[in-house]
Amino acid sequence: MFHRIFLFAIIISLFLSSCSSKGLNAPENSILTLRPYWHNGTWVFDDPRVNLVKEPFVAGIPEMISYISKDIPNAKKGFRLLFSAKPFPGYQLKLTWIREANGGNWYYSEELKKEGWLCPALFKYYKAAPKEIYGKAEPINE
């Protein structure tokens, strides 16, 4: 009887931990990738790992994405976006956290002198909003 209760407790514990981890919760030094593409007038991305489909970038972020992808042929069909909470070799754009609002977070690009809002989908990748986000656009060579 004790073994059944113990086994049941382990199963419930594993179930609850898998339910609570709905995101990737990447370490700060990880470089993550997305594949943005143009859809209905803005940049969007799909990420089946975290159940996102046609997740749009809004409020200043599309202009930032257009800026870093401008030299990629046919970028609107899709490109690789690398991003990290820490600097990495060859990053093109640094965003600095400025405030929380409407469930998301506003970031500022010193280079572009522009603010952009990242929606709560950010928390699918990080437990807390990073103080800085570094990004780079690359072509997809398939």
Protein backbone atom coordinates (compact mmCIF):
# COMPACT_ATOMS: atom_id res chain seq x y z
CA MET A 1 0.00 0.00 0.00
CA PHE A 2 2.82 2.44 0.90
CA HIS A 3 4.46 1.80 -2.50
CA ARG A 4 1.23 2.69 -4.34
CA ILE A 5 0.84 5.94 -2.39
CA PHE A 6 4.49 6.81 -2.98
CA LEU A 7 4.19 6.06 -6.73
CA PHE A 8 0.97 8.09 -6.93
CA ALA A 9 2.68 11.04 -5.22
CA ILE A 10 5.57 10.90 -7.71
CA ILE A 11 3.18 10.81 -10.68
CA ILE A 12 1.18 13.77 -9.36
CA SER A 13 4.39 15.70 -8.68
CA LEU A 14 5.66 15.11 -12.22
CA PHE A 15 2.29 16.07 -13.68
CA LEU A 16 2.12 19.32 -11.72
CA SER A 17 5.68 20.29 -12.58
CA SER A 18 5.04 19.70 -16.28
CA CYS A 19 1.85 21.77 -16.14
CA SER A 20 3.55 24.69 -14.47
CA SER A 21 6.42 24.86 -16.94
CA LYS A 22 4.60 26.22 -19.96
CA GLY A 23 7.65 28.05 -21.27
CA LEU A 24 11.26 27.38 -22.10
CA ASN A 25 12.63 29.42 -19.17
CA ALA A 26 15.99 29.75 -20.85
CA PRO A 27 19.11 30.51 -18.83
CA GLU A 28 20.24 34.11 -19.31
CA ASN A 29 23.28 33.07 -21.32
CA SER A 30 21.27 31.01 -23.84
CA ILE A 31 20.90 32.11 -27.42
CA LEU A 32 17.36 31.39 -28.56
CA THR A 33 16.01 31.39 -32.10
CA LEU A 34 12.74 32.27 -33.77
CA ARG A 35 11.75 32.36 -37.43
CA PRO A 36 9.79 35.58 -38.02
CA TYR A 37 7.88 36.07 -41.26
CA TRP A 38 5.57 38.75 -42.64
CA HIS A 39 1.83 38.14 -42.29
CA ASN A 40 -1.11 40.56 -42.53
CA GLY A 41 1.08 43.65 -42.38
CA THR A 42 3.38 42.76 -39.49
CA TRP A 43 6.09 40.36 -38.38
CA VAL A 44 4.82 37.18 -36.71
CA PHE A 45 6.34 33.87 -35.62
CA ASP A 46 5.30 30.34 -34.82
CA ASP A 47 6.82 28.33 -31.99
CA PRO A 48 5.17 24.96 -31.41
CA ARG A 49 7.45 24.38 -28.39
CA VAL A 50 5.40 26.98 -26.48
CA ASN A 51 2.09 26.76 -28.40
CA LEU A 52 2.39 30.04 -30.31
CA VAL A 53 1.04 30.40 -33.86
CA LYS A 54 1.24 33.63 -35.86
CA GLU A 55 2.22 35.49 -32.70
CA PRO A 56 2.52 39.13 -33.81
CA PHE A 57 5.19 41.64 -32.96
CA VAL A 58 3.57 45.02 -32.29
CA ALA A 59 4.15 48.55 -30.96
CA GLY A 60 7.56 49.49 -32.34
CA ILE A 61 9.07 46.00 -32.51
CA PRO A 62 8.13 45.42 -36.20
CA GLU A 63 10.18 48.47 -37.20
CA MET A 64 13.15 47.14 -35.21
CA ILE A 65 12.84 43.74 -36.88
CA SER A 66 12.63 45.38 -40.31
CA TYR A 67 15.80 47.33 -39.50
CA ILE A 68 17.91 44.31 -38.53
CA SER A 69 16.55 42.15 -41.39
CA LYS A 70 16.86 44.80 -44.12
CA ASP A 71 19.90 43.19 -45.76
CA ILE A 72 18.40 39.69 -45.89
CA PRO A 73 16.97 38.83 -49.32
CA ASN A 74 13.28 37.87 -49.11
CA ALA A 75 13.28 38.36 -45.33
CA LYS A 76 9.50 38.63 -45.35
CA LYS A 77 9.35 34.94 -46.27
CA GLY A 78 11.24 34.14 -43.08
CA PHE A 79 14.64 34.50 -41.48
CA ARG A 80 16.40 33.36 -38.32
CA LEU A 81 16.20 35.72 -35.34
CA LEU A 82 18.71 34.98 -32.61
CA PHE A 83 18.15 36.61 -29.24
CA SER A 84 19.66 36.46 -25.79
CA ALA A 85 19.62 38.25 -22.46
CA LYS A 86 23.42 38.48 -22.70
CA PRO A 87 25.60 39.92 -25.48
CA PHE A 88 26.83 37.42 -28.06
CA PRO A 89 29.27 37.77 -30.99
CA GLY A 90 27.78 39.66 -33.92
CA TYR A 91 24.59 40.89 -32.25
CA GLN A 92 23.01 43.73 -34.24
CA LEU A 93 20.66 45.37 -31.79
CA LYS A 94 20.52 45.86 -28.05
CA LEU A 95 17.21 46.53 -26.30
CA THR A 96 17.17 47.89 -22.76
CA TRP A 97 14.21 47.33 -20.44
CA ILE A 98 12.46 50.55 -19.43
CA ARG A 99 9.09 49.63 -17.91
CA GLU A 100 6.34 47.08 -17.50
CA ALA A 101 2.92 47.82 -19.00
CA ASN A 102 -0.23 45.93 -19.96
CA GLY A 103 1.24 42.57 -19.04
CA GLY A 104 4.23 43.09 -21.32
CA ASN A 105 7.42 45.11 -21.22
CA TRP A 106 8.73 48.16 -23.01
CA TYR A 107 12.30 48.14 -24.31
CA TYR A 108 14.42 50.92 -25.80
CA SER A 109 16.92 50.79 -28.64
CA GLU A 110 19.60 53.43 -28.20
CA GLU A 111 20.76 52.85 -31.78
CA LEU A 112 17.30 53.45 -33.27
CA LYS A 113 16.15 55.92 -30.59
CA LYS A 114 12.93 53.93 -30.47
CA GLU A 115 10.79 52.08 -27.95
CA GLY A 116 9.08 48.77 -28.56
CA TRP A 117 6.70 46.62 -26.53
CA LEU A 118 7.17 42.89 -26.07
CA CYS A 119 3.95 41.12 -25.16
CA PRO A 120 3.54 38.51 -22.39
CA ALA A 121 4.75 35.82 -24.82
CA LEU A 122 8.20 36.93 -23.63
CA PHE A 123 7.50 34.90 -20.49
CA LYS A 124 7.36 31.76 -22.62
CA TYR A 125 11.13 32.21 -22.94
CA TYR A 126 12.18 33.92 -19.72
CA LYS A 127 10.91 33.66 -16.13
CA ALA A 128 11.28 37.43 -15.76
CA ALA A 129 11.73 40.18 -18.32
CA PRO A 130 15.45 40.49 -19.07
CA LYS A 131 17.04 43.87 -18.37
CA GLU A 132 18.61 43.69 -21.83
CA ILE A 133 17.88 41.70 -24.97
CA TYR A 134 20.38 41.32 -27.79
CA GLY A 135 19.26 40.33 -31.27
CA LYS A 136 20.62 39.33 -34.64
CA ALA A 137 18.94 38.49 -37.97
CA GLU A 138 20.37 35.82 -40.26
CA PRO A 139 19.22 34.31 -43.52
CA ILE A 140 17.97 30.75 -43.42
CA ASN A 141 20.14 28.60 -45.67
CA GLU A 142 18.14 25.46 -46.28
